Amino acid sequence: MKFLEKAPEADLSVDIVHLMCPIHLLELNESIKQIEIGQILELVTDYDNALEDVPRWCEIFGQEFVGVIDNGDVYKLYIRRLK
């Protein structure tokens, strides 16, 4: 897991707090389509399994998992669209 000290500038932020599997991945799949190649999506969640699911989703779908920030209440996961 790549934890970040400073958040990258996100082009789109999507709040999926209180959503669990598989909805968080469905939201990710739809949200990544809303940004351009090279841009960064910020996914805000409180779902612990997203820490495993999102990097794996990025690997499967050819996107870059930039990292995560844990601020105690929520996780902010950053994904760069590559294709």
Protein backbone atom coordinates (compact mmCIF):
# COMPACT_ATOMS: atom_id res chain seq x y z
CA MET A 1 0.00 0.00 0.00
CA LYS A 2 1.36 3.38 -0.98
CA PHE A 3 0.49 5.95 1.70
CA LEU A 4 0.98 9.58 0.70
CA GLU A 5 2.01 12.46 2.93
CA LYS A 6 0.51 15.08 0.63
CA ALA A 7 -2.55 14.75 -1.57
CA PRO A 8 -2.06 15.23 -5.29
CA GLU A 9 -4.34 17.74 -6.99
CA ALA A 10 -7.41 15.80 -8.07
CA ASP A 11 -9.39 16.68 -11.17
CA LEU A 12 -12.51 14.98 -9.82
CA SER A 13 -13.46 13.96 -6.28
CA VAL A 14 -16.13 11.32 -5.67
CA ASP A 15 -17.56 10.74 -2.19
CA ILE A 16 -18.57 7.11 -1.73
CA VAL A 17 -18.61 7.09 2.08
CA HIS A 18 -20.98 4.40 3.41
CA LEU A 19 -20.91 2.45 0.13
CA MET A 20 -19.55 -1.09 0.16
CA CYS A 21 -18.67 -3.82 -2.27
CA PRO A 22 -19.41 -3.93 -5.10
CA ILE A 23 -20.85 -0.39 -5.28
CA HIS A 24 -17.50 1.31 -4.58
CA LEU A 25 -15.98 -0.41 -7.63
CA LEU A 26 -18.98 0.39 -9.81
CA GLU A 27 -18.67 4.07 -8.82
CA LEU A 28 -14.94 3.96 -9.55
CA ASN A 29 -15.58 2.42 -12.96
CA GLU A 30 -18.11 5.14 -13.87
CA SER A 31 -16.11 8.01 -12.37
CA ILE A 32 -12.86 7.20 -14.19
CA LYS A 33 -14.75 7.73 -17.47
CA GLN A 34 -15.52 11.33 -16.44
CA ILE A 35 -11.88 12.45 -16.46
CA GLU A 36 -9.35 12.72 -19.26
CA ILE A 37 -6.26 10.56 -19.70
CA GLY A 38 -3.55 11.81 -17.33
CA GLN A 39 -6.00 13.33 -14.87
CA ILE A 40 -6.43 12.18 -11.28
CA LEU A 41 -9.56 10.88 -9.56
CA GLU A 42 -9.93 11.18 -5.79
CA LEU A 43 -12.14 8.49 -4.26
CA VAL A 44 -13.27 9.26 -0.69
CA THR A 45 -14.43 6.24 1.30
CA ASP A 46 -14.66 4.75 4.77
CA TYR A 47 -14.68 1.18 3.45
CA ASP A 48 -11.53 -0.63 4.67
CA ASN A 49 -11.55 -3.21 1.89
CA ALA A 50 -11.18 -0.41 -0.67
CA LEU A 51 -7.51 -0.32 0.35
CA GLU A 52 -7.12 -3.71 -1.34
CA ASP A 53 -9.87 -3.50 -3.94
CA VAL A 54 -8.95 -0.19 -5.59
CA PRO A 55 -5.25 -0.93 -6.26
CA ARG A 56 -6.26 -4.32 -7.64
CA TRP A 57 -8.92 -2.70 -9.84
CA CYS A 58 -6.25 -0.32 -11.17
CA GLU A 59 -3.97 -3.24 -11.97
CA ILE A 60 -6.72 -5.15 -13.78
CA PHE A 61 -7.98 -2.16 -15.78
CA GLY A 62 -4.61 -0.57 -16.57
CA GLN A 63 -4.93 2.56 -14.45
CA GLU A 64 -2.31 3.97 -12.05
CA PHE A 65 -2.92 3.75 -8.32
CA VAL A 66 -1.17 6.90 -7.11
CA GLY A 67 -1.68 6.27 -3.40
CA VAL A 68 -3.88 6.82 -0.38
CA ILE A 69 -4.19 9.26 2.48
CA ASP A 70 -5.72 8.03 5.75
CA ASN A 71 -7.08 10.97 7.71
CA GLY A 72 -8.67 8.82 10.41
CA ASP A 73 -12.32 9.11 9.39
CA VAL A 74 -11.98 8.39 5.68
CA TYR A 75 -9.48 7.20 3.13
CA LYS A 76 -8.72 9.29 0.07
CA LEU A 77 -7.53 7.09 -2.76
CA TYR A 78 -5.94 8.63 -5.86
CA ILE A 79 -6.12 7.05 -9.29
CA ARG A 80 -4.55 8.42 -12.48
CA ARG A 81 -6.37 7.57 -15.69
CA LEU A 82 -3.92 6.03 -18.17
CA LYS A 83 -6.27 4.92 -20.93
